[in-house]
Amino acid sequence: MKIEFHNINEIRMGSPFMVAEKVLIEDWPYELPEYEFQDRYLYDSARKFSVLIKWDIDEENNPGFRPVILIEKTKEHIELDRIAGCCKTLSAEKNNLLLDVFRGSGVEKVKVKIPKLLLT
């Protein structure tokens, strides 16, 4: 699954974290809702899914994000719960997504369960 990010800018002036206004996904039958995504993703070729990072800034202007899983076989997407902070890296291991999350005072490792439907 080839993913391209377009119209990439800093999420805030001087920030090392970026926002992409447009995401193009090869062979995807529909456009995702009007989300703003971070310019990074994960592709798990064994289980045939990708994970995008959707920005989710709260009412107090605190950064956060939601992993959005794209399922290659069914062409569906699943939006996971909000995680406070900014995603530095993401990877997959067994039943979890592994994320390095910047939260102002440093980077924390966060594990998120992969939905069971993708583990078969």
N, C-alpha and C. Protein backbone atom coordinates (compact mmCIF):
# COMPACT_ATOMS: atom_id res chain seq x y z
N MET A 1 0.85 -1.17 0.00
CA MET A 1 0.00 0.00 0.00
C MET A 1 0.90 1.23 0.00
N LYS A 2 0.84 2.00 -1.03
CA LYS A 2 1.67 3.21 -1.15
C LYS A 2 0.88 4.40 -0.62
N ILE A 3 1.51 5.17 0.26
CA ILE A 3 0.88 6.34 0.87
C ILE A 3 1.76 7.55 0.62
N GLU A 4 1.14 8.65 0.17
CA GLU A 4 1.86 9.90 -0.08
C GLU A 4 1.20 11.02 0.71
N PHE A 5 2.03 11.88 1.29
CA PHE A 5 1.54 13.04 2.03
C PHE A 5 1.81 14.30 1.20
N HIS A 6 0.82 15.21 1.19
CA HIS A 6 0.95 16.45 0.43
C HIS A 6 0.57 17.64 1.31
N ASN A 7 1.04 18.84 0.92
CA ASN A 7 0.79 20.09 1.66
C ASN A 7 1.26 19.93 3.11
N ILE A 8 2.53 19.61 3.28
CA ILE A 8 3.10 19.36 4.61
C ILE A 8 3.66 20.65 5.20
N ASN A 9 3.26 20.95 6.46
CA ASN A 9 3.72 22.13 7.18
C ASN A 9 3.95 21.77 8.64
N GLU A 10 4.63 22.66 9.37
CA GLU A 10 4.80 22.46 10.81
C GLU A 10 3.42 22.54 11.48
N ILE A 11 3.20 21.71 12.48
CA ILE A 11 1.93 21.75 13.21
C ILE A 11 1.83 23.06 13.99
N ARG A 12 2.96 23.52 14.51
CA ARG A 12 3.08 24.84 15.15
C ARG A 12 4.42 25.42 14.73
N MET A 13 4.51 26.72 14.69
CA MET A 13 5.75 27.36 14.24
C MET A 13 6.94 26.88 15.07
N GLY A 14 7.97 26.39 14.39
CA GLY A 14 9.17 25.90 15.04
C GLY A 14 9.11 24.46 15.53
N SER A 15 8.00 23.81 15.33
CA SER A 15 7.83 22.43 15.80
C SER A 15 8.51 21.44 14.87
N PRO A 16 9.10 20.38 15.40
CA PRO A 16 9.65 19.33 14.54
C PRO A 16 8.57 18.39 14.02
N PHE A 17 7.32 18.55 14.48
CA PHE A 17 6.22 17.69 14.06
C PHE A 17 5.43 18.37 12.94
N MET A 18 5.06 17.57 11.97
CA MET A 18 4.43 18.10 10.76
C MET A 18 2.97 17.67 10.64
N VAL A 19 2.26 18.42 9.80
CA VAL A 19 0.87 18.10 9.48
C VAL A 19 0.74 18.06 7.97
N ALA A 20 0.06 17.06 7.47
CA ALA A 20 -0.21 16.94 6.03
C ALA A 20 -1.71 17.15 5.82
N GLU A 21 -2.05 18.05 4.91
CA GLU A 21 -3.45 18.35 4.65
C GLU A 21 -4.09 17.32 3.72
N LYS A 22 -3.29 16.62 2.97
CA LYS A 22 -3.83 15.68 1.98
C LYS A 22 -3.01 14.39 2.02
N VAL A 23 -3.70 13.26 2.01
CA VAL A 23 -3.05 11.96 1.99
C VAL A 23 -3.60 11.20 0.79
N LEU A 24 -2.70 10.73 -0.07
CA LEU A 24 -3.10 9.90 -1.21
C LEU A 24 -2.70 8.46 -0.93
N ILE A 25 -3.65 7.55 -1.08
CA ILE A 25 -3.42 6.14 -0.78
C ILE A 25 -3.70 5.34 -2.05
N GLU A 26 -2.66 4.67 -2.55
CA GLU A 26 -2.78 3.87 -3.77
C GLU A 26 -3.82 2.77 -3.59
N ASP A 27 -4.69 2.61 -4.59
CA ASP A 27 -5.72 1.57 -4.62
C ASP A 27 -6.71 1.66 -3.46
N TRP A 28 -6.92 2.83 -2.90
CA TRP A 28 -7.91 3.00 -1.85
C TRP A 28 -9.17 3.56 -2.51
N PRO A 29 -10.35 2.95 -2.28
CA PRO A 29 -11.54 3.32 -3.05
C PRO A 29 -12.22 4.63 -2.68
N TYR A 30 -11.84 5.24 -1.57
CA TYR A 30 -12.48 6.49 -1.16
C TYR A 30 -11.48 7.36 -0.42
N GLU A 31 -11.79 8.66 -0.37
CA GLU A 31 -10.94 9.58 0.39
C GLU A 31 -11.31 9.47 1.86
N LEU A 32 -10.32 9.57 2.70
CA LEU A 32 -10.60 9.60 4.13
C LEU A 32 -11.26 10.93 4.48
N PRO A 33 -11.99 10.97 5.60
CA PRO A 33 -12.60 12.25 6.00
C PRO A 33 -11.55 13.36 6.09
N GLU A 34 -12.00 14.57 6.20
CA GLU A 34 -11.12 15.74 6.21
C GLU A 34 -10.27 15.80 7.48
N TYR A 35 -9.38 14.85 7.62
CA TYR A 35 -8.47 14.80 8.75
C TYR A 35 -7.17 15.51 8.38
N GLU A 36 -6.43 15.90 9.41
CA GLU A 36 -5.05 16.33 9.21
C GLU A 36 -4.17 15.24 9.82
N PHE A 37 -3.22 14.75 9.02
CA PHE A 37 -2.39 13.64 9.44
C PHE A 37 -0.95 14.10 9.67
N GLN A 38 -0.27 13.39 10.55
CA GLN A 38 1.16 13.56 10.69
C GLN A 38 1.81 12.91 9.47
N ASP A 39 3.00 13.30 9.13
CA ASP A 39 3.66 12.82 7.91
C ASP A 39 4.43 11.52 8.15
N ARG A 40 3.82 10.58 8.86
CA ARG A 40 4.45 9.27 9.07
C ARG A 40 3.37 8.20 9.10
N TYR A 41 3.79 6.99 8.74
CA TYR A 41 2.85 5.88 8.76
C TYR A 41 3.61 4.57 8.92
N LEU A 42 2.85 3.52 9.19
CA LEU A 42 3.39 2.17 9.33
C LEU A 42 2.64 1.27 8.37
N TYR A 43 3.35 0.38 7.68
CA TYR A 43 2.71 -0.64 6.86
C TYR A 43 3.15 -2.00 7.38
N ASP A 44 2.19 -2.82 7.76
CA ASP A 44 2.46 -4.18 8.22
C ASP A 44 2.11 -5.11 7.06
N SER A 45 3.13 -5.56 6.32
CA SER A 45 2.90 -6.37 5.12
C SER A 45 2.38 -7.77 5.45
N ALA A 46 2.72 -8.29 6.62
CA ALA A 46 2.26 -9.63 7.00
C ALA A 46 0.75 -9.65 7.25
N ARG A 47 0.26 -8.60 7.91
CA ARG A 47 -1.16 -8.58 8.25
C ARG A 47 -1.97 -7.66 7.34
N LYS A 48 -1.29 -7.03 6.39
CA LYS A 48 -1.94 -6.21 5.36
C LYS A 48 -2.77 -5.06 5.94
N PHE A 49 -2.14 -4.27 6.79
CA PHE A 49 -2.78 -3.04 7.24
C PHE A 49 -1.74 -1.94 7.36
N SER A 50 -2.23 -0.71 7.30
CA SER A 50 -1.39 0.47 7.50
C SER A 50 -1.94 1.26 8.67
N VAL A 51 -1.08 2.06 9.28
CA VAL A 51 -1.51 2.94 10.37
C VAL A 51 -1.06 4.35 10.02
N LEU A 52 -2.02 5.27 10.00
CA LEU A 52 -1.74 6.69 9.85
C LEU A 52 -1.91 7.34 11.21
N ILE A 53 -1.32 8.50 11.39
CA ILE A 53 -1.43 9.25 12.64
C ILE A 53 -2.24 10.51 12.37
N LYS A 54 -3.46 10.53 12.90
CA LYS A 54 -4.37 11.67 12.74
C LYS A 54 -4.19 12.62 13.91
N TRP A 55 -3.93 13.88 13.61
CA TRP A 55 -3.81 14.88 14.68
C TRP A 55 -5.16 15.04 15.37
N ASP A 56 -5.13 15.25 16.69
CA ASP A 56 -6.33 15.49 17.49
C ASP A 56 -5.96 16.49 18.59
N ILE A 57 -6.08 17.77 18.27
CA ILE A 57 -5.75 18.85 19.21
C ILE A 57 -6.99 19.13 20.04
N ASP A 58 -6.87 19.13 21.38
CA ASP A 58 -8.05 19.31 22.23
C ASP A 58 -8.44 20.79 22.37
N GLU A 59 -9.50 21.04 23.17
CA GLU A 59 -10.03 22.40 23.32
C GLU A 59 -9.04 23.38 23.94
N GLU A 60 -8.11 22.86 24.74
CA GLU A 60 -7.08 23.73 25.36
C GLU A 60 -5.84 23.85 24.49
N ASN A 61 -5.91 23.39 23.25
CA ASN A 61 -4.81 23.45 22.28
C ASN A 61 -3.64 22.53 22.65
N ASN A 62 -3.94 21.45 23.39
CA ASN A 62 -2.93 20.46 23.73
C ASN A 62 -2.84 19.42 22.61
N PRO A 63 -1.63 19.10 22.18
CA PRO A 63 -1.51 18.14 21.07
C PRO A 63 -1.86 16.72 21.49
N GLY A 64 -2.38 16.01 20.54
CA GLY A 64 -2.69 14.60 20.70
C GLY A 64 -2.92 14.00 19.33
N PHE A 65 -3.12 12.70 19.27
CA PHE A 65 -3.33 12.05 17.99
C PHE A 65 -4.13 10.77 18.18
N ARG A 66 -4.66 10.28 17.07
CA ARG A 66 -5.38 9.01 17.04
C ARG A 66 -4.78 8.15 15.94
N PRO A 67 -4.33 6.94 16.26
CA PRO A 67 -3.92 6.04 15.19
C PRO A 67 -5.16 5.66 14.36
N VAL A 68 -5.01 5.69 13.04
CA VAL A 68 -6.08 5.29 12.12
C VAL A 68 -5.56 4.10 11.33
N ILE A 69 -6.22 2.97 11.49
CA ILE A 69 -5.79 1.73 10.84
C ILE A 69 -6.56 1.56 9.54
N LEU A 70 -5.83 1.36 8.45
CA LEU A 70 -6.42 1.09 7.14
C LEU A 70 -6.28 -0.39 6.85
N ILE A 71 -7.39 -1.07 6.65
CA ILE A 71 -7.38 -2.51 6.42
C ILE A 71 -7.40 -2.76 4.92
N GLU A 72 -6.32 -3.34 4.42
CA GLU A 72 -6.15 -3.51 2.99
C GLU A 72 -7.22 -4.41 2.37
N LYS A 73 -7.55 -5.52 3.02
CA LYS A 73 -8.48 -6.50 2.44
C LYS A 73 -9.90 -5.94 2.30
N THR A 74 -10.42 -5.31 3.34
CA THR A 74 -11.81 -4.84 3.35
C THR A 74 -11.96 -3.38 2.93
N LYS A 75 -10.84 -2.66 2.83
CA LYS A 75 -10.85 -1.23 2.48
C LYS A 75 -11.64 -0.41 3.50
N GLU A 76 -11.54 -0.80 4.77
CA GLU A 76 -12.17 -0.06 5.85
C GLU A 76 -11.09 0.61 6.68
N HIS A 77 -11.51 1.60 7.47
CA HIS A 77 -10.56 2.19 8.40
C HIS A 77 -11.16 2.21 9.81
N ILE A 78 -10.28 2.08 10.80
CA ILE A 78 -10.65 2.07 12.21
C ILE A 78 -9.87 3.18 12.90
N GLU A 79 -10.57 4.05 13.59
CA GLU A 79 -9.92 5.12 14.35
C GLU A 79 -9.83 4.70 15.81
N LEU A 80 -8.62 4.68 16.36
CA LEU A 80 -8.41 4.26 17.74
C LEU A 80 -8.53 5.46 18.69
N ASP A 81 -8.44 5.19 19.99
CA ASP A 81 -8.59 6.24 21.00
C ASP A 81 -7.47 7.27 20.93
N ARG A 82 -7.77 8.46 21.42
CA ARG A 82 -6.81 9.58 21.44
C ARG A 82 -5.67 9.27 22.40
N ILE A 83 -4.46 9.67 21.98
CA ILE A 83 -3.26 9.58 22.80
C ILE A 83 -2.72 10.99 22.93
N ALA A 84 -2.47 11.44 24.15
CA ALA A 84 -1.94 12.78 24.38
C ALA A 84 -0.47 12.83 23.97
N GLY A 85 -0.07 13.91 23.31
CA GLY A 85 1.32 14.10 22.90
C GLY A 85 1.48 14.07 21.40
N CYS A 86 2.72 13.91 20.95
CA CYS A 86 3.06 13.88 19.53
C CYS A 86 3.80 12.59 19.22
N CYS A 87 3.40 11.92 18.16
CA CYS A 87 4.02 10.64 17.79
C CYS A 87 5.37 10.87 17.12
N LYS A 88 6.43 10.32 17.72
CA LYS A 88 7.77 10.39 17.11
C LYS A 88 8.02 9.21 16.20
N THR A 89 7.69 7.99 16.67
CA THR A 89 7.88 6.79 15.86
C THR A 89 6.73 5.82 16.14
N LEU A 90 6.51 4.92 15.18
CA LEU A 90 5.54 3.85 15.38
C LEU A 90 6.01 2.59 14.71
N SER A 91 5.70 1.46 15.35
CA SER A 91 6.05 0.15 14.81
C SER A 91 5.02 -0.85 15.34
N ALA A 92 5.08 -2.07 14.84
CA ALA A 92 4.16 -3.12 15.28
C ALA A 92 4.97 -4.29 15.83
N GLU A 93 4.43 -4.91 16.87
CA GLU A 93 5.06 -6.08 17.47
C GLU A 93 3.94 -6.98 17.98
N LYS A 94 3.87 -8.18 17.47
CA LYS A 94 2.86 -9.16 17.87
C LYS A 94 1.48 -8.54 17.87
N ASN A 95 0.89 -8.30 19.05
CA ASN A 95 -0.48 -7.81 19.16
C ASN A 95 -0.58 -6.32 19.45
N ASN A 96 0.53 -5.59 19.33
CA ASN A 96 0.55 -4.19 19.74
C ASN A 96 1.15 -3.27 18.69
N LEU A 97 0.67 -2.04 18.72
CA LEU A 97 1.38 -0.94 18.07
C LEU A 97 2.30 -0.37 19.14
N LEU A 98 3.53 -0.08 18.77
CA LEU A 98 4.50 0.53 19.70
C LEU A 98 4.76 1.95 19.23
N LEU A 99 4.55 2.90 20.13
CA LEU A 99 4.69 4.31 19.77
C LEU A 99 5.66 5.00 20.72
N ASP A 100 6.53 5.82 20.18
CA ASP A 100 7.32 6.74 20.99
C ASP A 100 6.58 8.06 20.94
N VAL A 101 6.13 8.54 22.11
CA VAL A 101 5.27 9.72 22.18
C VAL A 101 5.98 10.82 22.96
N PHE A 102 6.12 11.99 22.33
CA PHE A 102 6.71 13.16 22.99
C PHE A 102 5.61 13.86 23.77
N ARG A 103 5.88 14.09 25.06
CA ARG A 103 4.89 14.72 25.93
C ARG A 103 5.51 15.87 26.72
N GLY A 104 6.16 16.79 26.05
CA GLY A 104 6.69 17.98 26.70
C GLY A 104 7.94 17.75 27.53
N SER A 105 7.89 16.81 28.47
CA SER A 105 9.04 16.58 29.34
C SER A 105 9.95 15.47 28.83
N GLY A 106 9.57 14.84 27.73
CA GLY A 106 10.39 13.77 27.19
C GLY A 106 9.56 12.80 26.37
N VAL A 107 10.19 11.70 26.00
CA VAL A 107 9.54 10.70 25.16
C VAL A 107 9.16 9.49 26.02
N GLU A 108 7.91 9.06 25.86
CA GLU A 108 7.41 7.88 26.56
C GLU A 108 7.07 6.80 25.55
N LYS A 109 7.27 5.55 25.93
CA LYS A 109 6.88 4.42 25.10
C LYS A 109 5.43 4.06 25.44
N VAL A 110 4.61 3.92 24.40
CA VAL A 110 3.19 3.61 24.58
C VAL A 110 2.86 2.38 23.73
N LYS A 111 2.12 1.43 24.34
CA LYS A 111 1.64 0.25 23.62
C LYS A 111 0.14 0.39 23.43
N VAL A 112 -0.33 0.09 22.22
CA VAL A 112 -1.75 0.11 21.91
C VAL A 112 -2.10 -1.23 21.30
N LYS A 113 -3.13 -1.88 21.82
CA LYS A 113 -3.56 -3.18 21.29
C LYS A 113 -4.04 -3.04 19.85
N ILE A 114 -3.61 -3.93 18.99
CA ILE A 114 -4.11 -4.02 17.63
C ILE A 114 -5.48 -4.70 17.70
N PRO A 115 -6.49 -4.15 17.03
CA PRO A 115 -7.81 -4.78 17.06
C PRO A 115 -7.74 -6.25 16.65
N LYS A 116 -8.53 -7.09 17.35
CA LYS A 116 -8.48 -8.53 17.16
C LYS A 116 -8.74 -8.96 15.71
N LEU A 117 -9.58 -8.22 14.99
CA LEU A 117 -9.90 -8.63 13.62
C LEU A 117 -8.68 -8.62 12.72
N LEU A 118 -7.61 -7.92 13.11
CA LEU A 118 -6.39 -7.89 12.30
C LEU A 118 -5.37 -8.94 12.72
N LEU A 119 -5.65 -9.67 13.76
CA LEU A 119 -4.69 -10.62 14.29
C LEU A 119 -4.90 -12.04 13.77
N THR A 120 -5.88 -12.23 12.92
CA THR A 120 -6.13 -13.59 12.39
C THR A 120 -5.32 -13.86 11.16
